[in-house]
Amino acid sequence: MTQYPVHPLNDGHRLPAIGFGTYPLTGPEGVQAIAEALRVGYRMLDTAVNYNNEETVGEALRESGVARRDITLTSKLPGRDHGYDETLRSFDGTLERLGVDKLDLYLIHWPNPSVDRFVDTWKAMIRLREEGRVSSIGVSNFTPEFLTRLLAETGVLPAVNQVELHPYFPQETLLDFHREHGIVTEAWSPLGKRAKPHEEAVIGEIATKHGVTPAQAVLRWHLERGVVPIPKSSSPERQRENFDVFGFTLEEADIAAITALGKPDGRLFDGDPNTHEEM
C-alpha cells in the first residue's frame, strides 16, 4: 500500500503520485541513498539503461526491506536499442540487471525521429505488456505528434509520458493533450536543476505563506496540476523534504503565479524531442 495518492492509468493500473529519480546514483553510496528513499516512503523508482545504475537500483530494492509488490519499478529503453527485436533483447537485459522477473513501467527514453524506429519499438513493448512481462508501457520526451503517430499505427496510446517539466518550462499545451487523451504526465527535473526556479521571489512568497520550503511549493505545484514529479536527491533530509508535500494545498492564484514563470527558452538544455537524440 502506498502512503500517498495514486493516479489511475489508461490500462487499469495505478501510478504513485510522486517518484524517486535515481540518476546518477551508483555503487554502494547509490544503493544506500535509494534504499533510504524507499524507507522514507517513496514507492516508485525511476531508472534507465543509460543511467548505468539498474544493478544499483535492484540491489537497493532488495536491501531496503520494502516488499517488491509495493514498489513501482520503472526503466527506459535507450535509443541504440530501438527496433522490434532489439527492444525485446534490451528488456531482457534490464530485468537481469535489476534482478526482477517483471517490470511495472517501461518507457521509450527518447523518440529519436531521425532513426524513425520508435513505432516498431512500441509494437515490441505492446507485446511485452500482452505477455505480462511489464504492467504498463509508456514513453519519455514525446510530443503530441509522436504520440498521435503511435496511436494511428498501433491503436495503443502510452499510459505515461515522462517529460521535462518545471516552473521555467510548464508544458501547458502538452499537459492539455495528455489530459484529453488519458495519458499521465511525469516530470523529470521537476525542480529545474541548475536553473533553480525555486529561488524566484514569487515561489519564496508562496512557500512562506504555506509554511513550507520553496522546493516543496514547486513539487506541490506539480501535484496540483496532475503531474507526477520525480525528484532526486542523495540526502536523506532532502528526500524527506521532497516527499512531505501532501499535507498542504496551493491556491489557484499560487498555481497560476508559478506557471507564469515559464520562459520560451525554458529548457535546461537543447532537449527538443524533434531534434535531440540520445543513443
Protein backbone atom coordinates (compact mmCIF):
# COMPACT_ATOMS: atom_id res chain seq x y z
CA MET A 1 0.00 0.00 0.00
CA THR A 2 1.27 3.45 -0.84
CA GLN A 3 1.19 6.24 1.68
CA TYR A 4 0.09 8.90 -0.78
CA PRO A 5 -2.35 9.38 -3.67
CA VAL A 6 -2.14 7.40 -6.90
CA HIS A 7 -3.12 8.10 -10.49
CA PRO A 8 -5.24 5.64 -12.46
CA LEU A 9 -3.64 4.73 -15.77
CA ASN A 10 -5.43 4.10 -19.06
CA ASP A 11 -4.51 0.39 -18.85
CA GLY A 12 -6.18 -0.23 -15.49
CA HIS A 13 -3.04 0.02 -13.35
CA ARG A 14 -2.12 2.82 -10.95
CA LEU A 15 0.89 5.08 -10.57
CA PRO A 16 2.15 6.69 -7.33
CA ALA A 17 1.71 10.46 -7.23
CA ILE A 18 5.43 11.03 -6.70
CA GLY A 19 8.52 9.04 -7.65
CA PHE A 20 12.19 8.94 -6.81
CA GLY A 21 14.75 9.66 -9.54
CA THR A 22 17.89 7.55 -9.32
CA TYR A 23 20.26 9.25 -11.79
CA PRO A 24 23.26 9.47 -11.23
CA LEU A 25 23.28 7.25 -8.13
CA THR A 26 25.62 4.26 -8.48
CA GLY A 27 27.71 1.92 -6.36
CA PRO A 28 27.42 1.37 -2.60
CA GLU A 29 26.57 5.03 -1.96
CA GLY A 30 23.84 4.82 -4.55
CA VAL A 31 22.44 1.66 -3.01
CA GLN A 32 22.34 3.38 0.37
CA ALA A 33 20.64 6.52 -0.98
CA ILE A 34 18.00 4.64 -2.97
CA ALA A 35 17.25 2.21 -0.14
CA GLU A 36 16.85 5.17 2.22
CA ALA A 37 14.39 6.80 -0.19
CA LEU A 38 12.26 3.68 -0.03
CA ARG A 39 12.40 3.74 3.76
CA VAL A 40 11.34 7.41 3.69
CA GLY A 41 8.21 6.30 1.87
CA TYR A 42 8.78 6.61 -1.88
CA ARG A 43 7.19 3.71 -3.73
CA MET A 44 8.27 4.42 -7.30
CA LEU A 45 11.85 4.18 -8.53
CA ASP A 46 12.85 5.62 -11.90
CA THR A 47 15.92 4.32 -13.69
CA ALA A 48 17.09 3.75 -17.29
CA VAL A 49 19.62 1.72 -19.23
CA ASN A 50 21.50 4.93 -19.97
CA TYR A 51 21.74 5.79 -16.28
CA ASN A 52 24.09 2.81 -15.90
CA ASN A 53 22.63 2.04 -12.49
CA GLU A 54 19.99 -0.66 -12.95
CA GLU A 55 22.11 -3.07 -10.87
CA THR A 56 22.36 -0.43 -8.14
CA VAL A 57 18.61 0.09 -8.14
CA GLY A 58 17.96 -3.64 -7.94
CA GLU A 59 20.34 -4.06 -5.03
CA ALA A 60 18.79 -1.10 -3.20
CA LEU A 61 15.34 -2.55 -3.71
CA ARG A 62 16.42 -5.82 -2.07
CA GLU A 63 18.29 -4.13 0.77
CA SER A 64 15.51 -1.66 1.61
CA GLY A 65 13.29 -4.21 3.31
CA VAL A 66 10.30 -2.94 1.31
CA ALA A 67 8.30 -5.65 -0.43
CA ARG A 68 8.78 -5.79 -4.20
CA ARG A 69 4.99 -5.86 -4.72
CA ASP A 70 4.72 -2.42 -3.10
CA ILE A 71 7.20 -0.75 -5.47
CA THR A 72 6.54 0.61 -8.94
CA LEU A 73 9.77 -0.05 -10.80
CA THR A 74 10.42 1.95 -13.97
CA SER A 75 13.18 1.70 -16.56
CA LYS A 76 13.74 3.14 -20.02
CA LEU A 77 14.89 1.77 -23.35
CA PRO A 78 17.93 3.54 -24.88
CA GLY A 79 17.97 4.85 -28.43
CA ARG A 80 20.58 2.33 -29.56
CA ASP A 81 18.08 -0.47 -28.85
CA HIS A 82 15.19 0.89 -30.91
CA GLY A 83 13.56 -1.72 -33.14
CA TYR A 84 11.29 -4.70 -32.50
CA ASP A 85 13.78 -7.48 -31.80
CA GLU A 86 16.27 -5.07 -30.26
CA THR A 87 13.66 -3.92 -27.75
CA LEU A 88 12.88 -7.47 -26.64
CA ARG A 89 16.58 -8.18 -26.11
CA SER A 90 17.15 -4.90 -24.28
CA PHE A 91 14.22 -5.59 -21.98
CA ASP A 92 15.70 -8.96 -21.03
CA GLY A 93 18.93 -7.20 -20.09
CA THR A 94 17.06 -4.68 -17.96
CA LEU A 95 15.31 -7.42 -15.99
CA GLU A 96 18.60 -9.26 -15.49
CA ARG A 97 20.41 -6.18 -14.22
CA LEU A 98 17.56 -5.24 -11.90
CA GLY A 99 17.26 -8.81 -10.67
CA VAL A 100 13.49 -8.96 -11.13
CA ASP A 101 11.17 -11.07 -13.26
CA LYS A 102 8.76 -8.27 -14.19
CA LEU A 103 8.80 -4.51 -14.69
CA ASP A 104 5.97 -2.21 -13.63
CA LEU A 105 6.56 0.58 -16.16
CA TYR A 106 8.73 0.54 -19.28
CA LEU A 107 9.39 3.71 -21.27
CA ILE A 108 10.98 4.63 -24.60
CA HIS A 109 13.61 7.11 -23.40
CA TRP A 110 13.67 9.40 -26.47
CA PRO A 111 11.82 9.17 -29.82
CA ASN A 112 14.98 9.71 -31.92
CA PRO A 113 12.98 10.71 -35.01
CA SER A 114 15.88 10.59 -37.48
CA VAL A 115 16.23 6.88 -36.73
CA ASP A 116 12.45 6.50 -37.06
CA ARG A 117 12.13 3.15 -35.31
CA PHE A 118 10.05 4.18 -32.32
CA VAL A 119 6.85 2.67 -33.76
CA ASP A 120 8.47 -0.77 -34.16
CA THR A 121 9.84 -0.32 -30.65
CA TRP A 122 6.35 0.46 -29.39
CA LYS A 123 4.95 -2.67 -31.02
CA ALA A 124 7.50 -4.76 -29.13
CA MET A 125 6.55 -3.05 -25.89
CA ILE A 126 2.89 -3.82 -26.54
CA ARG A 127 3.90 -7.46 -26.89
CA LEU A 128 5.78 -7.34 -23.59
CA ARG A 129 2.68 -5.97 -21.90
CA GLU A 130 0.43 -8.58 -23.50
CA GLU A 131 2.78 -11.31 -22.27
CA GLY A 132 2.57 -9.94 -18.74
CA ARG A 133 6.29 -9.16 -18.51
CA VAL A 134 5.57 -5.47 -17.88
CA SER A 135 2.43 -3.99 -16.36
CA SER A 136 2.37 -0.61 -18.10
CA ILE A 137 4.17 0.88 -21.08
CA GLY A 138 4.87 4.49 -21.89
CA VAL A 139 7.27 6.95 -23.41
CA SER A 140 9.54 9.81 -22.44
CA ASN A 141 10.14 13.10 -24.24
CA PHE A 142 7.40 12.51 -26.83
CA THR A 143 5.49 15.35 -28.47
CA PRO A 144 1.77 15.24 -29.35
CA GLU A 145 2.74 14.48 -32.94
CA PHE A 146 4.77 11.41 -31.95
CA LEU A 147 2.04 10.26 -29.57
CA THR A 148 -0.58 10.63 -32.27
CA ARG A 149 1.52 8.55 -34.63
CA LEU A 150 1.78 5.73 -32.08
CA LEU A 151 -1.99 5.67 -31.78
CA ALA A 152 -2.55 5.82 -35.53
CA GLU A 153 -0.13 2.95 -36.30
CA THR A 154 -0.77 0.65 -33.33
CA GLY A 155 -4.09 1.66 -31.80
CA VAL A 156 -2.39 1.93 -28.38
CA LEU A 157 -1.59 5.14 -26.53
CA PRO A 158 1.11 5.24 -23.85
CA ALA A 159 -0.04 5.18 -20.24
CA VAL A 160 2.68 7.68 -19.30
CA ASN A 161 4.81 10.35 -20.97
CA GLN A 162 7.78 11.47 -18.87
CA VAL A 163 8.99 14.91 -19.96
CA GLU A 164 11.00 17.89 -18.85
CA LEU A 165 8.64 19.97 -16.75
CA HIS A 166 9.39 22.64 -14.14
CA PRO A 167 8.35 26.27 -13.46
CA TYR A 168 10.53 27.64 -16.27
CA PHE A 169 9.10 25.05 -18.69
CA PRO A 170 5.49 24.33 -17.59
CA GLN A 171 4.43 22.48 -20.78
CA GLU A 172 0.82 23.71 -20.73
CA THR A 173 -0.01 22.62 -24.29
CA LEU A 174 1.39 19.13 -23.77
CA LEU A 175 -0.44 18.78 -20.45
CA ASP A 176 -3.72 19.65 -22.15
CA PHE A 177 -3.05 16.99 -24.79
CA HIS A 178 -2.27 14.39 -22.13
CA ARG A 179 -5.44 15.17 -20.18
CA GLU A 180 -7.53 14.92 -23.35
CA HIS A 181 -6.07 11.51 -24.19
CA GLY A 182 -5.81 9.99 -20.73
CA ILE A 183 -2.01 10.00 -20.54
CA VAL A 184 -0.39 10.59 -17.15
CA THR A 185 2.42 13.16 -17.16
CA GLU A 186 5.65 12.51 -15.27
CA ALA A 187 8.13 15.35 -14.75
CA TRP A 188 11.87 14.85 -14.91
CA SER A 189 13.94 17.61 -13.31
CA PRO A 190 10.78 18.85 -11.58
CA LEU A 191 12.74 21.41 -9.54
CA GLY A 192 14.58 22.80 -12.58
CA LYS A 193 18.07 21.65 -11.56
CA ARG A 194 20.76 24.27 -12.00
CA ALA A 195 18.26 26.85 -13.30
CA LYS A 196 16.90 26.98 -9.72
CA PRO A 197 13.44 28.40 -10.33
CA HIS A 198 12.64 27.74 -6.67
CA GLU A 199 14.84 30.76 -5.89
CA GLU A 200 12.32 33.05 -7.59
CA ALA A 201 10.84 35.57 -5.16
CA VAL A 202 7.26 34.63 -6.01
CA ILE A 203 7.90 30.99 -5.10
CA GLY A 204 9.54 32.07 -1.86
CA GLU A 205 6.48 34.14 -1.00
CA ILE A 206 4.14 31.24 -1.74
CA ALA A 207 6.28 28.89 0.33
CA THR A 208 6.33 31.28 3.28
CA LYS A 209 2.56 31.70 3.11
CA HIS A 210 2.06 27.94 3.38
CA GLY A 211 4.85 27.31 5.88
CA VAL A 212 6.86 25.09 3.53
CA THR A 213 10.14 25.30 1.65
CA PRO A 214 10.34 26.67 -1.92
CA ALA A 215 11.14 23.19 -3.22
CA GLN A 216 8.06 21.80 -1.52
CA ALA A 217 5.96 24.56 -3.05
CA VAL A 218 7.23 23.66 -6.53
CA LEU A 219 6.59 19.94 -6.02
CA ARG A 220 3.09 20.71 -4.77
CA TRP A 221 2.55 22.83 -7.91
CA HIS A 222 3.21 19.70 -9.94
CA LEU A 223 0.76 17.66 -7.90
CA GLU A 224 -1.95 20.30 -8.19
CA ARG A 225 -1.59 20.17 -11.98
CA GLY A 226 -1.96 16.38 -12.01
CA VAL A 227 1.73 15.83 -12.76
CA VAL A 228 3.86 13.10 -11.16
CA PRO A 229 7.18 14.71 -10.15
CA ILE A 230 10.30 12.57 -9.90
CA PRO A 231 12.72 14.48 -7.67
CA LYS A 232 16.17 13.07 -6.97
CA SER A 233 18.49 13.52 -4.03
CA SER A 234 21.13 11.51 -2.21
CA SER A 235 20.48 13.44 1.01
CA PRO A 236 18.04 11.72 3.43
CA GLU A 237 16.96 15.12 4.72
CA ARG A 238 16.17 16.40 1.24
CA GLN A 239 14.47 13.11 0.36
CA ARG A 240 12.14 13.55 3.33
CA GLU A 241 11.51 17.19 2.47
CA ASN A 242 10.64 16.36 -1.13
CA PHE A 243 8.30 13.59 -0.01
CA ASP A 244 6.49 15.73 2.56
CA VAL A 245 4.21 17.54 0.10
CA PHE A 246 0.81 16.02 0.80
CA GLY A 247 -0.16 17.99 3.90
CA PHE A 248 -0.96 21.29 2.21
CA THR A 249 -2.55 22.65 -0.94
CA LEU A 250 -1.89 25.67 -3.14
CA GLU A 251 -4.46 28.24 -4.11
CA GLU A 252 -5.35 28.70 -7.76
CA ALA A 253 -3.53 32.04 -7.74
CA ASP A 254 -0.39 30.31 -6.42
CA ILE A 255 -0.51 27.76 -9.20
CA ALA A 256 -1.01 30.46 -11.83
CA ALA A 257 1.86 32.55 -10.44
CA ILE A 258 4.31 29.65 -10.62
CA THR A 259 3.13 28.66 -14.10
CA ALA A 260 3.63 32.27 -15.22
CA LEU A 261 7.38 31.86 -14.65
CA GLY A 262 7.56 29.84 -17.86
CA LYS A 263 10.01 31.03 -20.50
CA PRO A 264 10.13 30.46 -24.27
CA ASP A 265 13.69 29.17 -23.83
CA GLY A 266 12.99 27.46 -20.52
CA ARG A 267 14.52 24.08 -21.35
CA LEU A 268 17.50 23.07 -19.25
CA PHE A 269 19.47 22.06 -22.36
CA ASP A 270 18.87 21.55 -26.06
CA GLY A 271 16.36 18.78 -25.38
CA ASP A 272 13.79 19.40 -28.10
CA PRO A 273 12.47 15.88 -28.92
CA ASN A 274 12.19 16.84 -32.57
CA THR A 275 15.95 17.28 -32.82
CA HIS A 276 17.66 15.91 -29.69
CA GLU A 277 18.65 12.28 -29.92
CA GLU A 278 20.16 10.01 -27.32
CA MET A 279 21.62 6.61 -28.04
